[in-house]
Amino acid sequence: IRRKTRINIIGHSLGGTLPRFSLRFWPDIRSMINHLIAFGPTNRETIMADAACKTFPPIKYTNILSKFDELVRPLNSSEINAQCVKNISIQDICQLRIFAEHLAAGIYDYCGYILTMNALNSQSF
């Protein structure tokens, strides 16, 4: 028996981009997803990201970014401009997190963790 509980996906780097690819090309799974939280994803300006560029309401999207990300360039290529999306920079919340770069943002940065927990606990935008 399939439950009606929708799932949350948390991904880092391409792990934040690949679920969007799946959502675009397998539309039957969209109703199963509640929230996609991504750390430093490549959402625009790459061949892969441009193919998966759509957002699908009522799925919520949260992009947690670092202004010191050394891999995702330009920095704003992680952002998605849509109503169901929040783009949050770690340094906008924790200004002194200069060592929260691409790897740290999604794996061990405390501010990234707090932003993730806040996103998981949010009921709406």
C-alpha atoms as a PDB file:
ATOM      1  CA  ILE A   1       0.000   0.000   0.000  1.00  0.00           C
ATOM      2  CA  ARG A   2       1.427   3.341  -0.992  1.00  0.00           C
ATOM      3  CA  ARG A   3       1.222   6.042   1.636  1.00  0.00           C
ATOM      4  CA  LYS A   4       0.279   9.586   0.766  1.00  0.00           C
ATOM      5  CA  THR A   5       3.265  11.045   2.611  1.00  0.00           C
ATOM      6  CA  ARG A   6       5.412  13.146   0.316  1.00  0.00           C
ATOM      7  CA  ILE A   7       9.199  12.955   0.620  1.00  0.00           C
ATOM      8  CA  ASN A   8      11.955  15.546   0.966  1.00  0.00           C
ATOM      9  CA  ILE A   9      15.139  15.331  -1.095  1.00  0.00           C
ATOM     10  CA  ILE A  10      18.438  16.826   0.075  1.00  0.00           C
ATOM     11  CA  GLY A  11      21.270  16.970  -2.453  1.00  0.00           C
ATOM     12  CA  HIS A  12      24.721  18.496  -2.730  1.00  0.00           C
ATOM     13  CA  SER A  13      26.260  19.810  -5.953  1.00  0.00           C
ATOM     14  CA  LEU A  14      24.963  17.620  -8.800  1.00  0.00           C
ATOM     15  CA  GLY A  15      22.890  15.803  -6.187  1.00  0.00           C
ATOM     16  CA  GLY A  16      20.829  18.985  -6.079  1.00  0.00           C
ATOM     17  CA  THR A  17      20.520  19.146  -9.858  1.00  0.00           C
ATOM     18  CA  LEU A  18      19.811  15.530 -10.790  1.00  0.00           C
ATOM     19  CA  PRO A  19      16.455  15.307  -8.955  1.00  0.00           C
ATOM     20  CA  ARG A  20      15.230  18.228 -11.087  1.00  0.00           C
ATOM     21  CA  PHE A  21      16.152  16.235 -14.191  1.00  0.00           C
ATOM     22  CA  SER A  22      14.076  13.324 -12.881  1.00  0.00           C
ATOM     23  CA  LEU A  23      11.137  15.604 -12.113  1.00  0.00           C
ATOM     24  CA  ARG A  24      11.142  16.947 -15.632  1.00  0.00           C
ATOM     25  CA  PHE A  25      11.320  13.647 -17.483  1.00  0.00           C
ATOM     26  CA  TRP A  26       9.314  11.430 -15.094  1.00  0.00           C
ATOM     27  CA  PRO A  27       6.293  13.614 -14.295  1.00  0.00           C
ATOM     28  CA  ASP A  28       4.520  10.854 -12.368  1.00  0.00           C
ATOM     29  CA  ILE A  29       6.980  11.262  -9.460  1.00  0.00           C
ATOM     30  CA  ARG A  30       6.255  14.990  -8.983  1.00  0.00           C
ATOM     31  CA  SER A  31       3.307  14.294  -6.724  1.00  0.00           C
ATOM     32  CA  MET A  32       5.587  12.252  -4.441  1.00  0.00           C
ATOM     33  CA  ILE A  33       7.960  15.140  -3.658  1.00  0.00           C
ATOM     34  CA  ASN A  34       7.384  17.767  -0.981  1.00  0.00           C
ATOM     35  CA  HIS A  35      10.670  19.710  -0.851  1.00  0.00           C
ATOM     36  CA  LEU A  36      13.969  19.692  -2.742  1.00  0.00           C
ATOM     37  CA  ILE A  37      16.821  21.188  -0.723  1.00  0.00           C
ATOM     38  CA  ALA A  38      20.041  21.666  -2.672  1.00  0.00           C
ATOM     39  CA  PHE A  39      23.531  22.830  -1.650  1.00  0.00           C
ATOM     40  CA  GLY A  40      25.519  24.533  -4.395  1.00  0.00           C
ATOM     41  CA  PRO A  41      23.592  22.983  -7.286  1.00  0.00           C
ATOM     42  CA  THR A  42      24.287  23.861 -10.904  1.00  0.00           C
ATOM     43  CA  ASN A  43      20.788  24.995 -11.805  1.00  0.00           C
ATOM     44  CA  ARG A  44      21.577  27.152 -14.839  1.00  0.00           C
ATOM     45  CA  GLU A  45      24.125  27.747 -17.563  1.00  0.00           C
ATOM     46  CA  THR A  46      25.199  24.150 -18.089  1.00  0.00           C
ATOM     47  CA  ILE A  47      23.858  21.686 -20.656  1.00  0.00           C
ATOM     48  CA  MET A  48      22.459  19.426 -17.926  1.00  0.00           C
ATOM     49  CA  ALA A  49      20.892  22.235 -15.914  1.00  0.00           C
ATOM     50  CA  ASP A  50      19.373  23.941 -18.919  1.00  0.00           C
ATOM     51  CA  ALA A  51      17.660  20.660 -19.868  1.00  0.00           C
ATOM     52  CA  ALA A  52      16.191  20.386 -16.340  1.00  0.00           C
ATOM     53  CA  CYS A  53      15.424  24.051 -15.796  1.00  0.00           C
ATOM     54  CA  LYS A  54      11.746  23.856 -14.869  1.00  0.00           C
ATOM     55  CA  THR A  55      10.326  24.063 -11.377  1.00  0.00           C
ATOM     56  CA  PHE A  56       7.151  22.213 -10.596  1.00  0.00           C
ATOM     57  CA  PRO A  57       4.748  23.608  -7.988  1.00  0.00           C
ATOM     58  CA  PRO A  58       3.604  22.552  -5.427  1.00  0.00           C
ATOM     59  CA  ILE A  59       7.131  21.219  -4.804  1.00  0.00           C
ATOM     60  CA  LYS A  60       9.097  23.602  -2.578  1.00  0.00           C
ATOM     61  CA  TYR A  61      12.698  24.306  -3.510  1.00  0.00           C
ATOM     62  CA  THR A  62      15.429  25.668  -1.261  1.00  0.00           C
ATOM     63  CA  ASN A  63      18.884  26.412  -2.643  1.00  0.00           C
ATOM     64  CA  ILE A  64      21.556  26.898   0.011  1.00  0.00           C
ATOM     65  CA  LEU A  65      24.483  28.720  -1.536  1.00  0.00           C
ATOM     66  CA  SER A  66      27.910  29.995  -0.587  1.00  0.00           C
ATOM     67  CA  LYS A  67      29.384  33.255  -1.805  1.00  0.00           C
ATOM     68  CA  PHE A  68      32.754  31.480  -1.608  1.00  0.00           C
ATOM     69  CA  ASP A  69      31.795  28.501  -3.789  1.00  0.00           C
ATOM     70  CA  GLU A  70      34.882  27.825  -5.891  1.00  0.00           C
ATOM     71  CA  LEU A  71      33.237  25.293  -8.238  1.00  0.00           C
ATOM     72  CA  VAL A  72      29.871  26.769  -9.232  1.00  0.00           C
ATOM     73  CA  ARG A  73      30.612  29.772 -11.427  1.00  0.00           C
ATOM     74  CA  PRO A  74      29.081  32.228 -11.904  1.00  0.00           C
ATOM     75  CA  LEU A  75      27.763  32.114  -8.359  1.00  0.00           C
ATOM     76  CA  ASN A  76      24.205  33.009  -9.337  1.00  0.00           C
ATOM     77  CA  SER A  77      23.974  29.907 -11.565  1.00  0.00           C
ATOM     78  CA  SER A  78      22.806  28.049  -8.441  1.00  0.00           C
ATOM     79  CA  GLU A  79      19.795  30.308  -8.065  1.00  0.00           C
ATOM     80  CA  ILE A  80      16.353  29.637  -9.455  1.00  0.00           C
ATOM     81  CA  ASN A  81      14.019  32.564  -9.921  1.00  0.00           C
ATOM     82  CA  ALA A  82      10.539  31.219  -9.277  1.00  0.00           C
ATOM     83  CA  GLN A  83       7.840  31.762  -6.680  1.00  0.00           C
ATOM     84  CA  CYS A  84       8.205  28.314  -5.082  1.00  0.00           C
ATOM     85  CA  VAL A  85      11.991  28.731  -4.617  1.00  0.00           C
ATOM     86  CA  LYS A  86      14.080  30.193  -1.803  1.00  0.00           C
ATOM     87  CA  ASN A  87      17.711  31.017  -2.602  1.00  0.00           C
ATOM     88  CA  ILE A  88      19.658  31.487   0.629  1.00  0.00           C
ATOM     89  CA  SER A  89      23.333  32.362   0.923  1.00  0.00           C
ATOM     90  CA  ILE A  90      25.095  31.053   4.028  1.00  0.00           C
ATOM     91  CA  GLN A  91      26.965  34.358   4.290  1.00  0.00           C
ATOM     92  CA  ASP A  92      23.711  36.343   4.327  1.00  0.00           C
ATOM     93  CA  ILE A  93      22.810  34.513   7.542  1.00  0.00           C
ATOM     94  CA  CYS A  94      26.271  33.884   9.040  1.00  0.00           C
ATOM     95  CA  GLN A  95      28.459  36.682   7.671  1.00  0.00           C
ATOM     96  CA  LEU A  96      31.781  35.379   8.978  1.00  0.00           C
ATOM     97  CA  ARG A  97      31.486  31.910   7.361  1.00  0.00           C
ATOM     98  CA  ILE A  98      34.254  32.630   4.825  1.00  0.00           C
ATOM     99  CA  PHE A  99      35.401  29.007   4.877  1.00  0.00           C
ATOM    100  CA  ALA A 100      31.965  27.681   3.959  1.00  0.00           C
ATOM    101  CA  GLU A 101      32.849  26.952   0.336  1.00  0.00           C
ATOM    102  CA  HIS A 102      31.347  24.346  -2.020  1.00  0.00           C
ATOM    103  CA  LEU A 103      32.240  21.222  -0.042  1.00  0.00           C
ATOM    104  CA  ALA A 104      31.648  22.682   3.418  1.00  0.00           C
ATOM    105  CA  ALA A 105      28.278  24.205   2.540  1.00  0.00           C
ATOM    106  CA  GLY A 106      26.680  20.828   1.908  1.00  0.00           C
ATOM    107  CA  ILE A 107      28.652  18.509   4.144  1.00  0.00           C
ATOM    108  CA  TYR A 108      29.872  19.976   7.415  1.00  0.00           C
ATOM    109  CA  ASP A 109      29.069  23.671   7.792  1.00  0.00           C
ATOM    110  CA  TYR A 110      26.927  24.312  10.857  1.00  0.00           C
ATOM    111  CA  CYS A 111      25.055  27.237   9.285  1.00  0.00           C
ATOM    112  CA  GLY A 112      24.233  25.032   6.275  1.00  0.00           C
ATOM    113  CA  TYR A 113      22.851  22.454   8.694  1.00  0.00           C
ATOM    114  CA  ILE A 114      20.676  25.042  10.475  1.00  0.00           C
ATOM    115  CA  LEU A 115      19.353  26.329   7.130  1.00  0.00           C
ATOM    116  CA  THR A 116      18.496  22.746   6.154  1.00  0.00           C
ATOM    117  CA  MET A 117      16.621  22.117   9.392  1.00  0.00           C
ATOM    118  CA  ASN A 118      14.736  25.399   8.967  1.00  0.00           C
ATOM    119  CA  ALA A 119      13.789  24.431   5.407  1.00  0.00           C
ATOM    120  CA  LEU A 120      12.586  20.993   6.518  1.00  0.00           C
ATOM    121  CA  ASN A 121      10.508  22.509   9.301  1.00  0.00           C
ATOM    122  CA  SER A 122       8.940  25.248   7.181  1.00  0.00           C
ATOM    123  CA  GLN A 123       5.328  24.696   6.257  1.00  0.00           C
ATOM    124  CA  SER A 124       5.091  27.339   3.551  1.00  0.00           C
ATOM    125  CA  PHE A 125       6.927  30.187   1.892  1.00  0.00           C
END
